[in-house]
Structure formats: structure tokens, C-alpha cells
mmCIF file of all heavy atoms, coordinates in Angstrom:
data_MODEL
# 
_entry.id   MODEL 
# 
loop_
_atom_site.group_PDB 
_atom_site.id 
_atom_site.type_symbol 
_atom_site.label_atom_id 
_atom_site.label_alt_id 
_atom_site.label_comp_id 
_atom_site.label_asym_id 
_atom_site.label_entity_id 
_atom_site.label_seq_id 
_atom_site.pdbx_PDB_ins_code 
_atom_site.Cartn_x 
_atom_site.Cartn_y 
_atom_site.Cartn_z 
_atom_site.occupancy 
_atom_site.B_iso_or_equiv 
_atom_site.pdbx_formal_charge 
_atom_site.auth_seq_id 
_atom_site.auth_comp_id 
_atom_site.auth_asym_id 
_atom_site.auth_atom_id 
_atom_site.pdbx_PDB_model_num 
ATOM 1   N N   . ALA A 1 1  ? -8.921  1.956  2.067   1.00 0.00 ? 1  ALA A N   1 
ATOM 2   C CA  . ALA A 1 1  ? -9.567  1.404  3.267   1.00 0.00 ? 1  ALA A CA  1 
ATOM 3   C C   . ALA A 1 1  ? -9.718  -0.105 3.162   1.00 0.00 ? 1  ALA A C   1 
ATOM 4   O O   . ALA A 1 1  ? -9.500  -0.840 4.142   1.00 0.00 ? 1  ALA A O   1 
ATOM 5   C CB  . ALA A 1 1  ? -10.932 2.065  3.468   1.00 0.00 ? 1  ALA A CB  1 
ATOM 6   N N   . GLU A 1 2  ? -10.085 -0.594 1.978   1.00 0.00 ? 2  GLU A N   1 
ATOM 7   C CA  . GLU A 1 2  ? -10.260 -2.034 1.785   1.00 0.00 ? 2  GLU A CA  1 
ATOM 8   C C   . GLU A 1 2  ? -8.933  -2.772 1.901   1.00 0.00 ? 2  GLU A C   1 
ATOM 9   O O   . GLU A 1 2  ? -8.854  -3.856 2.492   1.00 0.00 ? 2  GLU A O   1 
ATOM 10  C CB  . GLU A 1 2  ? -10.915 -2.299 0.425   1.00 0.00 ? 2  GLU A CB  1 
ATOM 11  C CG  . GLU A 1 2  ? -12.381 -1.875 0.363   1.00 0.00 ? 2  GLU A CG  1 
ATOM 12  C CD  . GLU A 1 2  ? -12.933 -1.852 -1.049  1.00 0.00 ? 2  GLU A CD  1 
ATOM 13  O OE1 . GLU A 1 2  ? -12.125 -1.831 -2.021  1.00 0.00 ? 2  GLU A OE1 1 
ATOM 14  O OE2 . GLU A 1 2  ? -14.158 -1.832 -1.192  1.00 0.00 ? 2  GLU A OE2 1 
ATOM 15  N N   . LEU A 1 3  ? -7.872  -2.176 1.380   1.00 0.00 ? 3  LEU A N   1 
ATOM 16  C CA  . LEU A 1 3  ? -6.551  -2.790 1.476   1.00 0.00 ? 3  LEU A CA  1 
ATOM 17  C C   . LEU A 1 3  ? -6.048  -2.799 2.917   1.00 0.00 ? 3  LEU A C   1 
ATOM 18  O O   . LEU A 1 3  ? -5.406  -3.754 3.353   1.00 0.00 ? 3  LEU A O   1 
ATOM 19  C CB  . LEU A 1 3  ? -5.556  -2.053 0.580   1.00 0.00 ? 3  LEU A CB  1 
ATOM 20  C CG  . LEU A 1 3  ? -5.698  -2.308 -0.924  1.00 0.00 ? 3  LEU A CG  1 
ATOM 21  C CD1 . LEU A 1 3  ? -4.769  -1.397 -1.709  1.00 0.00 ? 3  LEU A CD1 1 
ATOM 22  C CD2 . LEU A 1 3  ? -5.395  -3.767 -1.255  1.00 0.00 ? 3  LEU A CD2 1 
ATOM 23  N N   . LYS A 1 4  ? -6.341  -1.741 3.646   1.00 0.00 ? 4  LYS A N   1 
ATOM 24  C CA  . LYS A 1 4  ? -5.927  -1.684 5.053   1.00 0.00 ? 4  LYS A CA  1 
ATOM 25  C C   . LYS A 1 4  ? -6.615  -2.789 5.840   1.00 0.00 ? 4  LYS A C   1 
ATOM 26  O O   . LYS A 1 4  ? -5.990  -3.469 6.670   1.00 0.00 ? 4  LYS A O   1 
ATOM 27  C CB  . LYS A 1 4  ? -6.274  -0.322 5.654   1.00 0.00 ? 4  LYS A CB  1 
ATOM 28  C CG  . LYS A 1 4  ? -5.779  -0.147 7.098   1.00 0.00 ? 4  LYS A CG  1 
ATOM 29  C CD  . LYS A 1 4  ? -6.077  1.240  7.621   1.00 0.00 ? 4  LYS A CD  1 
ATOM 30  C CE  . LYS A 1 4  ? -5.503  1.412  9.038   1.00 0.00 ? 4  LYS A CE  1 
ATOM 31  N NZ  . LYS A 1 4  ? -6.042  0.434  9.991   1.00 0.00 ? 4  LYS A NZ  1 
ATOM 32  N N   . GLU A 1 5  ? -7.893  -3.006 5.571   1.00 0.00 ? 5  GLU A N   1 
ATOM 33  C CA  . GLU A 1 5  ? -8.643  -4.036 6.302   1.00 0.00 ? 5  GLU A CA  1 
ATOM 34  C C   . GLU A 1 5  ? -8.173  -5.440 5.927   1.00 0.00 ? 5  GLU A C   1 
ATOM 35  O O   . GLU A 1 5  ? -7.971  -6.289 6.795   1.00 0.00 ? 5  GLU A O   1 
ATOM 36  C CB  . GLU A 1 5  ? -10.137 -3.900 5.998   1.00 0.00 ? 5  GLU A CB  1 
ATOM 37  C CG  . GLU A 1 5  ? -10.986 -4.925 6.743   1.00 0.00 ? 5  GLU A CG  1 
ATOM 38  C CD  . GLU A 1 5  ? -12.472 -4.760 6.459   1.00 0.00 ? 5  GLU A CD  1 
ATOM 39  O OE1 . GLU A 1 5  ? -12.849 -3.803 5.746   1.00 0.00 ? 5  GLU A OE1 1 
ATOM 40  O OE2 . GLU A 1 5  ? -13.258 -5.596 6.936   1.00 0.00 ? 5  GLU A OE2 1 
ATOM 41  N N   . SER A 1 6  ? -7.979  -5.701 4.624   1.00 0.00 ? 6  SER A N   1 
ATOM 42  C CA  . SER A 1 6  ? -7.619  -7.047 4.189   1.00 0.00 ? 6  SER A CA  1 
ATOM 43  C C   . SER A 1 6  ? -6.154  -7.394 4.453   1.00 0.00 ? 6  SER A C   1 
ATOM 44  O O   . SER A 1 6  ? -5.811  -8.554 4.642   1.00 0.00 ? 6  SER A O   1 
ATOM 45  C CB  . SER A 1 6  ? -7.917  -7.218 2.692   1.00 0.00 ? 6  SER A CB  1 
ATOM 46  O OG  . SER A 1 6  ? -7.209  -6.263 1.920   1.00 0.00 ? 6  SER A OG  1 
ATOM 47  N N   . SER A 1 7  ? -5.284  -6.374 4.480   1.00 0.00 ? 7  SER A N   1 
ATOM 48  C CA  . SER A 1 7  ? -3.851  -6.639 4.683   1.00 0.00 ? 7  SER A CA  1 
ATOM 49  C C   . SER A 1 7  ? -3.455  -6.699 6.147   1.00 0.00 ? 7  SER A C   1 
ATOM 50  O O   . SER A 1 7  ? -2.482  -7.359 6.506   1.00 0.00 ? 7  SER A O   1 
ATOM 51  C CB  . SER A 1 7  ? -3.015  -5.571 3.983   1.00 0.00 ? 7  SER A CB  1 
ATOM 52  O OG  . SER A 1 7  ? -3.157  -4.309 4.626   1.00 0.00 ? 7  SER A OG  1 
ATOM 53  N N   . GLY A 1 8  ? -4.195  -5.969 6.982   1.00 0.00 ? 8  GLY A N   1 
ATOM 54  C CA  . GLY A 1 8  ? -3.843  -5.908 8.394   1.00 0.00 ? 8  GLY A CA  1 
ATOM 55  C C   . GLY A 1 8  ? -2.647  -5.017 8.670   1.00 0.00 ? 8  GLY A C   1 
ATOM 56  O O   . GLY A 1 8  ? -2.115  -4.999 9.787   1.00 0.00 ? 8  GLY A O   1 
ATOM 57  N N   . LEU A 1 9  ? -2.214  -4.256 7.676   1.00 0.00 ? 9  LEU A N   1 
ATOM 58  C CA  . LEU A 1 9  ? -1.057  -3.371 7.834   1.00 0.00 ? 9  LEU A CA  1 
ATOM 59  C C   . LEU A 1 9  ? -1.471  -2.050 8.472   1.00 0.00 ? 9  LEU A C   1 
ATOM 60  O O   . LEU A 1 9  ? -2.613  -1.609 8.346   1.00 0.00 ? 9  LEU A O   1 
ATOM 61  C CB  . LEU A 1 9  ? -0.425  -3.082 6.473   1.00 0.00 ? 9  LEU A CB  1 
ATOM 62  C CG  . LEU A 1 9  ? 0.154   -4.284 5.715   1.00 0.00 ? 9  LEU A CG  1 
ATOM 63  C CD1 . LEU A 1 9  ? 0.561   -3.864 4.309   1.00 0.00 ? 9  LEU A CD1 1 
ATOM 64  C CD2 . LEU A 1 9  ? 1.339   -4.874 6.460   1.00 0.00 ? 9  LEU A CD2 1 
ATOM 65  N N   . THR A 1 10 ? -0.515  -1.422 9.138   1.00 0.00 ? 10 THR A N   1 
ATOM 66  C CA  . THR A 1 10 ? -0.782  -0.083 9.668   1.00 0.00 ? 10 THR A CA  1 
ATOM 67  C C   . THR A 1 10 ? -0.853  0.891  8.508   1.00 0.00 ? 10 THR A C   1 
ATOM 68  O O   . THR A 1 10 ? -0.300  0.639  7.423   1.00 0.00 ? 10 THR A O   1 
ATOM 69  C CB  . THR A 1 10 ? 0.331   0.354  10.628  1.00 0.00 ? 10 THR A CB  1 
ATOM 70  O OG1 . THR A 1 10 ? 1.567   0.432  9.908   1.00 0.00 ? 10 THR A OG1 1 
ATOM 71  C CG2 . THR A 1 10 ? 0.472   -0.636 11.783  1.00 0.00 ? 10 THR A CG2 1 
ATOM 72  N N   . ARG A 1 11 ? -1.516  2.032  8.728   1.00 0.00 ? 11 ARG A N   1 
ATOM 73  C CA  . ARG A 1 11 ? -1.664  3.006  7.644   1.00 0.00 ? 11 ARG A CA  1 
ATOM 74  C C   . ARG A 1 11 ? -0.306  3.496  7.116   1.00 0.00 ? 11 ARG A C   1 
ATOM 75  O O   . ARG A 1 11 ? -0.101  3.566  5.896   1.00 0.00 ? 11 ARG A O   1 
ATOM 76  C CB  . ARG A 1 11 ? -2.519  4.176  8.114   1.00 0.00 ? 11 ARG A CB  1 
ATOM 77  C CG  . ARG A 1 11 ? -2.890  5.160  7.010   1.00 0.00 ? 11 ARG A CG  1 
ATOM 78  C CD  . ARG A 1 11 ? -3.874  6.196  7.514   1.00 0.00 ? 11 ARG A CD  1 
ATOM 79  N NE  . ARG A 1 11 ? -5.162  5.607  7.807   1.00 0.00 ? 11 ARG A NE  1 
ATOM 80  C CZ  . ARG A 1 11 ? -6.141  5.459  6.918   1.00 0.00 ? 11 ARG A CZ  1 
ATOM 81  N NH1 . ARG A 1 11 ? -5.956  5.881  5.665   1.00 0.00 ? 11 ARG A NH1 1 
ATOM 82  N NH2 . ARG A 1 11 ? -7.284  4.922  7.262   1.00 0.00 ? 11 ARG A NH2 1 
ATOM 83  N N   . PRO A 1 12 ? 0.671   3.848  8.006   1.00 0.00 ? 12 PRO A N   1 
ATOM 84  C CA  . PRO A 1 12 ? 1.974   4.305  7.493   1.00 0.00 ? 12 PRO A CA  1 
ATOM 85  C C   . PRO A 1 12 ? 2.679   3.250  6.636   1.00 0.00 ? 12 PRO A C   1 
ATOM 86  O O   . PRO A 1 12 ? 3.252   3.568  5.593   1.00 0.00 ? 12 PRO A O   1 
ATOM 87  C CB  . PRO A 1 12 ? 2.771   4.617  8.763   1.00 0.00 ? 12 PRO A CB  1 
ATOM 88  C CG  . PRO A 1 12 ? 1.727   4.909  9.791   1.00 0.00 ? 12 PRO A CG  1 
ATOM 89  C CD  . PRO A 1 12 ? 0.603   3.977  9.487   1.00 0.00 ? 12 PRO A CD  1 
ATOM 90  N N   . THR A 1 13 ? 2.636   1.981  7.098   1.00 0.00 ? 13 THR A N   1 
ATOM 91  C CA  . THR A 1 13 ? 3.281   0.902  6.341   1.00 0.00 ? 13 THR A CA  1 
ATOM 92  C C   . THR A 1 13 ? 2.593   0.700  5.000   1.00 0.00 ? 13 THR A C   1 
ATOM 93  O O   . THR A 1 13 ? 3.250   0.530  3.966   1.00 0.00 ? 13 THR A O   1 
ATOM 94  C CB  . THR A 1 13 ? 3.253   -0.417 7.141   1.00 0.00 ? 13 THR A CB  1 
ATOM 95  O OG1 . THR A 1 13 ? 3.977   -0.246 8.358   1.00 0.00 ? 13 THR A OG1 1 
ATOM 96  C CG2 . THR A 1 13 ? 3.882   -1.555 6.350   1.00 0.00 ? 13 THR A CG2 1 
ATOM 97  N N   . LEU A 1 14 ? 1.267   0.727  5.016   1.00 0.00 ? 14 LEU A N   1 
ATOM 98  C CA  . LEU A 1 14 ? 0.497   0.551  3.787   1.00 0.00 ? 14 LEU A CA  1 
ATOM 99  C C   . LEU A 1 14 ? 0.815   1.669  2.794   1.00 0.00 ? 14 LEU A C   1 
ATOM 100 O O   . LEU A 1 14 ? 1.042   1.418  1.599   1.00 0.00 ? 14 LEU A O   1 
ATOM 101 C CB  . LEU A 1 14 ? -1.001  0.522  4.100   1.00 0.00 ? 14 LEU A CB  1 
ATOM 102 C CG  . LEU A 1 14 ? -1.943  0.308  2.914   1.00 0.00 ? 14 LEU A CG  1 
ATOM 103 C CD1 . LEU A 1 14 ? -1.637  -1.002 2.209   1.00 0.00 ? 14 LEU A CD1 1 
ATOM 104 C CD2 . LEU A 1 14 ? -3.399  0.326  3.391   1.00 0.00 ? 14 LEU A CD2 1 
ATOM 105 N N   . TYR A 1 15 ? 0.834   2.907  3.267   1.00 0.00 ? 15 TYR A N   1 
ATOM 106 C CA  . TYR A 1 15 ? 1.170   4.043  2.403   1.00 0.00 ? 15 TYR A CA  1 
ATOM 107 C C   . TYR A 1 15 ? 2.559   3.860  1.782   1.00 0.00 ? 15 TYR A C   1 
ATOM 108 O O   . TYR A 1 15 ? 2.768   4.120  0.588   1.00 0.00 ? 15 TYR A O   1 
ATOM 109 C CB  . TYR A 1 15 ? 1.146   5.345  3.204   1.00 0.00 ? 15 TYR A CB  1 
ATOM 110 C CG  . TYR A 1 15 ? -0.195  6.035  3.255   1.00 0.00 ? 15 TYR A CG  1 
ATOM 111 C CD1 . TYR A 1 15 ? -0.774  6.367  4.473   1.00 0.00 ? 15 TYR A CD1 1 
ATOM 112 C CD2 . TYR A 1 15 ? -0.885  6.377  2.078   1.00 0.00 ? 15 TYR A CD2 1 
ATOM 113 C CE1 . TYR A 1 15 ? -2.018  7.009  4.534   1.00 0.00 ? 15 TYR A CE1 1 
ATOM 114 C CE2 . TYR A 1 15 ? -2.108  7.014  2.128   1.00 0.00 ? 15 TYR A CE2 1 
ATOM 115 C CZ  . TYR A 1 15 ? -2.676  7.333  3.351   1.00 0.00 ? 15 TYR A CZ  1 
ATOM 116 O OH  . TYR A 1 15 ? -3.894  7.961  3.401   1.00 0.00 ? 15 TYR A OH  1 
ATOM 117 N N   . ARG A 1 16 ? 3.508   3.447  2.610   1.00 0.00 ? 16 ARG A N   1 
ATOM 118 C CA  . ARG A 1 16 ? 4.891   3.300  2.138   1.00 0.00 ? 16 ARG A CA  1 
ATOM 119 C C   . ARG A 1 16 ? 4.987   2.215  1.055   1.00 0.00 ? 16 ARG A C   1 
ATOM 120 O O   . ARG A 1 16 ? 5.627   2.428  0.013   1.00 0.00 ? 16 ARG A O   1 
ATOM 121 C CB  . ARG A 1 16 ? 5.805   2.949  3.321   1.00 0.00 ? 16 ARG A CB  1 
ATOM 122 C CG  . ARG A 1 16 ? 7.251   2.678  2.932   1.00 0.00 ? 16 ARG A CG  1 
ATOM 123 C CD  . ARG A 1 16 ? 8.129   2.551  4.156   1.00 0.00 ? 16 ARG A CD  1 
ATOM 124 N NE  . ARG A 1 16 ? 7.647   1.539  5.086   1.00 0.00 ? 16 ARG A NE  1 
ATOM 125 C CZ  . ARG A 1 16 ? 7.868   0.225  4.931   1.00 0.00 ? 16 ARG A CZ  1 
ATOM 126 N NH1 . ARG A 1 16 ? 8.552   -0.204 3.880   1.00 0.00 ? 16 ARG A NH1 1 
ATOM 127 N NH2 . ARG A 1 16 ? 7.428   -0.634 5.824   1.00 0.00 ? 16 ARG A NH2 1 
ATOM 128 N N   . LEU A 1 17 ? 4.358   1.074  1.276   1.00 0.00 ? 17 LEU A N   1 
ATOM 129 C CA  . LEU A 1 17 ? 4.419   -0.018 0.307   1.00 0.00 ? 17 LEU A CA  1 
ATOM 130 C C   . LEU A 1 17 ? 3.692   0.327  -0.991  1.00 0.00 ? 17 LEU A C   1 
ATOM 131 O O   . LEU A 1 17 ? 4.170   0.026  -2.089  1.00 0.00 ? 17 LEU A O   1 
ATOM 132 C CB  . LEU A 1 17 ? 3.831   -1.301 0.910   1.00 0.00 ? 17 LEU A CB  1 
ATOM 133 C CG  . LEU A 1 17 ? 4.587   -1.888 2.111   1.00 0.00 ? 17 LEU A CG  1 
ATOM 134 C CD1 . LEU A 1 17 ? 3.899   -3.147 2.603   1.00 0.00 ? 17 LEU A CD1 1 
ATOM 135 C CD2 . LEU A 1 17 ? 6.032   -2.198 1.730   1.00 0.00 ? 17 LEU A CD2 1 
ATOM 136 N N   . LEU A 1 18 ? 2.538   0.973  -0.860  1.00 0.00 ? 18 LEU A N   1 
ATOM 137 C CA  . LEU A 1 18 ? 1.789   1.367  -2.053  1.00 0.00 ? 18 LEU A CA  1 
ATOM 138 C C   . LEU A 1 18 ? 2.575   2.384  -2.878  1.00 0.00 ? 18 LEU A C   1 
ATOM 139 O O   . LEU A 1 18 ? 2.621   2.306  -4.109  1.00 0.00 ? 18 LEU A O   1 
ATOM 140 C CB  . LEU A 1 18 ? 0.429   1.954  -1.660  1.00 0.00 ? 18 LEU A CB  1 
ATOM 141 C CG  . LEU A 1 18 ? -0.627  0.958  -1.160  1.00 0.00 ? 18 LEU A CG  1 
ATOM 142 C CD1 . LEU A 1 18 ? -1.853  1.696  -0.633  1.00 0.00 ? 18 LEU A CD1 1 
ATOM 143 C CD2 . LEU A 1 18 ? -1.027  -0.012 -2.263  1.00 0.00 ? 18 LEU A CD2 1 
ATOM 144 N N   . ALA A 1 19 ? 3.206   3.328  -2.199  1.00 0.00 ? 19 ALA A N   1 
ATOM 145 C CA  . ALA A 1 19 ? 3.999   4.347  -2.892  1.00 0.00 ? 19 ALA A CA  1 
ATOM 146 C C   . ALA A 1 19 ? 5.168   3.706  -3.624  1.00 0.00 ? 19 ALA A C   1 
ATOM 147 O O   . ALA A 1 19 ? 5.493   4.081  -4.760  1.00 0.00 ? 19 ALA A O   1 
ATOM 148 C CB  . ALA A 1 19 ? 4.502   5.386  -1.894  1.00 0.00 ? 19 ALA A CB  1 
ATOM 149 N N   . SER A 1 20 ? 5.800   2.722  -2.985  1.00 0.00 ? 20 SER A N   1 
ATOM 150 C CA  . SER A 1 20 ? 6.929   2.025  -3.597  1.00 0.00 ? 20 SER A CA  1 
ATOM 151 C C   . SER A 1 20 ? 6.491   1.258  -4.846  1.00 0.00 ? 20 SER A C   1 
ATOM 152 O O   . SER A 1 20 ? 7.142   1.326  -5.894  1.00 0.00 ? 20 SER A O   1 
ATOM 153 C CB  . SER A 1 20 ? 7.555   1.061  -2.590  1.00 0.00 ? 20 SER A CB  1 
ATOM 154 O OG  . SER A 1 20 ? 8.601   0.320  -3.182  1.00 0.00 ? 20 SER A OG  1 
ATOM 155 N N   . LEU A 1 21 ? 5.369   0.556  -4.732  1.00 0.00 ? 21 LEU A N   1 
ATOM 156 C CA  . LEU A 1 21 ? 4.842   -0.208 -5.862  1.00 0.00 ? 21 LEU A CA  1 
ATOM 157 C C   . LEU A 1 21 ? 4.440   0.711  -7.015  1.00 0.00 ? 21 LEU A C   1 
ATOM 158 O O   . LEU A 1 21 ? 4.665   0.398  -8.194  1.00 0.00 ? 21 LEU A O   1 
ATOM 159 C CB  . LEU A 1 21 ? 3.643   -1.047 -5.423  1.00 0.00 ? 21 LEU A CB  1 
ATOM 160 C CG  . LEU A 1 21 ? 3.954   -2.262 -4.545  1.00 0.00 ? 21 LEU A CG  1 
ATOM 161 C CD1 . LEU A 1 21 ? 2.670   -2.840 -3.962  1.00 0.00 ? 21 LEU A CD1 1 
ATOM 162 C CD2 . LEU A 1 21 ? 4.687   -3.332 -5.366  1.00 0.00 ? 21 LEU A CD2 1 
ATOM 163 N N   . GLU A 1 22 ? 3.866   1.855  -6.658  1.00 0.00 ? 22 GLU A N   1 
ATOM 164 C CA  . GLU A 1 22 ? 3.416   2.801  -7.683  1.00 0.00 ? 22 GLU A CA  1 
ATOM 165 C C   . GLU A 1 22 ? 4.616   3.441  -8.389  1.00 0.00 ? 22 GLU A C   1 
ATOM 166 O O   . GLU A 1 22 ? 4.607   3.627  -9.610  1.00 0.00 ? 22 GLU A O   1 
ATOM 167 C CB  . GLU A 1 22 ? 2.530   3.870  -7.052  1.00 0.00 ? 22 GLU A CB  1 
ATOM 168 C CG  . GLU A 1 22 ? 1.744   4.678  -8.066  1.00 0.00 ? 22 GLU A CG  1 
ATOM 169 C CD  . GLU A 1 22 ? 0.644   5.519  -7.434  1.00 0.00 ? 22 GLU A CD  1 
ATOM 170 O OE1 . GLU A 1 22 ? 0.541   5.555  -6.181  1.00 0.00 ? 22 GLU A OE1 1 
ATOM 171 O OE2 . GLU A 1 22 ? -0.107  6.151  -8.202  1.00 0.00 ? 22 GLU A OE2 1 
ATOM 172 N N   . THR A 1 23 ? 5.655   3.744  -7.621  1.00 0.00 ? 23 THR A N   1 
ATOM 173 C CA  . THR A 1 23 ? 6.867   4.333  -8.198  1.00 0.00 ? 23 THR A CA  1 
ATOM 174 C C   . THR A 1 23 ? 7.506   3.390  -9.211  1.00 0.00 ? 23 THR A C   1 
ATOM 175 O O   . THR A 1 23 ? 8.016   3.821  -10.247 1.00 0.00 ? 23 THR A O   1 
ATOM 176 C CB  . THR A 1 23 ? 7.887   4.655  -7.085  1.00 0.00 ? 23 THR A CB  1 
ATOM 177 O OG1 . THR A 1 23 ? 7.326   5.617  -6.194  1.00 0.00 ? 23 THR A OG1 1 
ATOM 178 C CG2 . THR A 1 23 ? 9.182   5.202  -7.672  1.00 0.00 ? 23 THR A CG2 1 
ATOM 179 N N   . GLU A 1 24 ? 7.466   2.093  -8.916  1.00 0.00 ? 24 GLU A N   1 
ATOM 180 C CA  . GLU A 1 24 ? 8.063   1.094  -9.807  1.00 0.00 ? 24 GLU A CA  1 
ATOM 181 C C   . GLU A 1 24 ? 7.143   0.701  -10.965 1.00 0.00 ? 24 GLU A C   1 
ATOM 182 O O   . GLU A 1 24 ? 7.513   -0.113 -11.809 1.00 0.00 ? 24 GLU A O   1 
ATOM 183 C CB  . GLU A 1 24 ? 8.438   -0.166 -9.008  1.00 0.00 ? 24 GLU A CB  1 
ATOM 184 C CG  . GLU A 1 24 ? 9.526   0.041  -7.978  1.00 0.00 ? 24 GLU A CG  1 
ATOM 185 C CD  . GLU A 1 24 ? 10.837  0.458  -8.624  1.00 0.00 ? 24 GLU A CD  1 
ATOM 186 O OE1 . GLU A 1 24 ? 11.092  0.038  -9.763  1.00 0.00 ? 24 GLU A OE1 1 
ATOM 187 O OE2 . GLU A 1 24 ? 11.609  1.214  -7.993  1.00 0.00 ? 24 GLU A OE2 1 
ATOM 188 N N   . GLY A 1 25 ? 5.928   1.271  -10.994 1.00 0.00 ? 25 GLY A N   1 
ATOM 189 C CA  . GLY A 1 25 ? 5.008   0.972  -12.087 1.00 0.00 ? 25 GLY A CA  1 
ATOM 190 C C   . GLY A 1 25 ? 4.314   -0.368 -11.964 1.00 0.00 ? 25 GLY A C   1 
ATOM 191 O O   . GLY A 1 25 ? 3.720   -0.869 -12.920 1.00 0.00 ? 25 GLY A O   1 
ATOM 192 N N   . LEU A 1 26 ? 4.370   -0.962 -10.754 1.00 0.00 ? 26 LEU A N   1 
ATOM 193 C CA  . LEU A 1 26 ? 3.746   -2.267 -10.551 1.00 0.00 ? 26 LEU A CA  1 
ATOM 194 C C   . LEU A 1 26 ? 2.258   -2.152 -10.221 1.00 0.00 ? 26 LEU A C   1 
ATOM 195 O O   . LEU A 1 26 ? 1.509   -3.109 -10.401 1.00 0.00 ? 26 LEU A O   1 
ATOM 196 C CB  . LEU A 1 26 ? 4.471   -3.039 -9.442  1.00 0.00 ? 26 LEU A CB  1 
ATOM 197 C CG  . LEU A 1 26 ? 5.956   -3.313 -9.725  1.00 0.00 ? 26 LEU A CG  1 
ATOM 198 C CD1 . LEU A 1 26 ? 6.590   -4.035 -8.552  1.00 0.00 ? 26 LEU A CD1 1 
ATOM 199 C CD2 . LEU A 1 26 ? 6.119   -4.128 -11.011 1.00 0.00 ? 26 LEU A CD2 1 
ATOM 200 N N   . ILE A 1 27 ? 1.844   -0.997 -9.711  1.00 0.00 ? 27 ILE A N   1 
ATOM 201 C CA  . ILE A 1 27 ? 0.424   -0.716 -9.505  1.00 0.00 ? 27 ILE A CA  1 
ATOM 202 C C   . ILE A 1 27 ? 0.134   0.702  -9.972  1.00 0.00 ? 27 ILE A C   1 
ATOM 203 O O   . ILE A 1 27 ? 1.059   1.504  -10.148 1.00 0.00 ? 27 ILE A O   1 
ATOM 204 C CB  . ILE A 1 27 ? -0.018  -0.877 -8.027  1.00 0.00 ? 27 ILE A CB  1 
ATOM 205 C CG1 . ILE A 1 27 ? 0.696   0.146  -7.140  1.00 0.00 ? 27 ILE A CG1 1 
ATOM 206 C CG2 . ILE A 1 27 ? 0.207   -2.294 -7.528  1.00 0.00 ? 27 ILE A CG2 1 
ATOM 207 C CD1 . ILE A 1 27 ? 0.125   0.218  -5.724  1.00 0.00 ? 27 ILE A CD1 1 
ATOM 208 N N   . GLU A 1 28 ? -1.138  1.007  -10.144 1.00 0.00 ? 28 GLU A N   1 
ATOM 209 C CA  . GLU A 1 28 ? -1.553  2.352  -10.528 1.00 0.00 ? 28 GLU A CA  1 
ATOM 210 C C   . GLU A 1 28 ? -2.753  2.753  -9.677  1.00 0.00 ? 28 GLU A C   1 
ATOM 211 O O   . GLU A 1 28 ? -3.613  1.909  -9.361  1.00 0.00 ? 28 GLU A O   1 
ATOM 212 C CB  . GLU A 1 28 ? -1.960  2.383  -12.008 1.00 0.00 ? 28 GLU A CB  1 
ATOM 213 C CG  . GLU A 1 28 ? -0.842  2.057  -12.967 1.00 0.00 ? 28 GLU A CG  1 
ATOM 214 C CD  . GLU A 1 28 ? -1.335  1.899  -14.392 1.00 0.00 ? 28 GLU A CD  1 
ATOM 215 O OE1 . GLU A 1 28 ? -2.573  1.962  -14.609 1.00 0.00 ? 28 GLU A OE1 1 
ATOM 216 O OE2 . GLU A 1 28 ? -0.492  1.698  -15.290 1.00 0.00 ? 28 GLU A OE2 1 
# 
């Protein structure tokens, strides 16, 4: 929720980017 508010991204876009970053091991 905090990332959605600070990024201004839509929920689908945010989910997609977070999933991509997590898959690459850049975030956890």
C-alpha cells in the first residue's frame, strides 16, 4: 500500500514490477 501511494503506479503495474524484481533477486 505504501509503495502504491508513493509510486503513483496502478496496482497491476506495481504487482508486475515487484514480481519481476523479486524474481531477479533484487528485492525480497
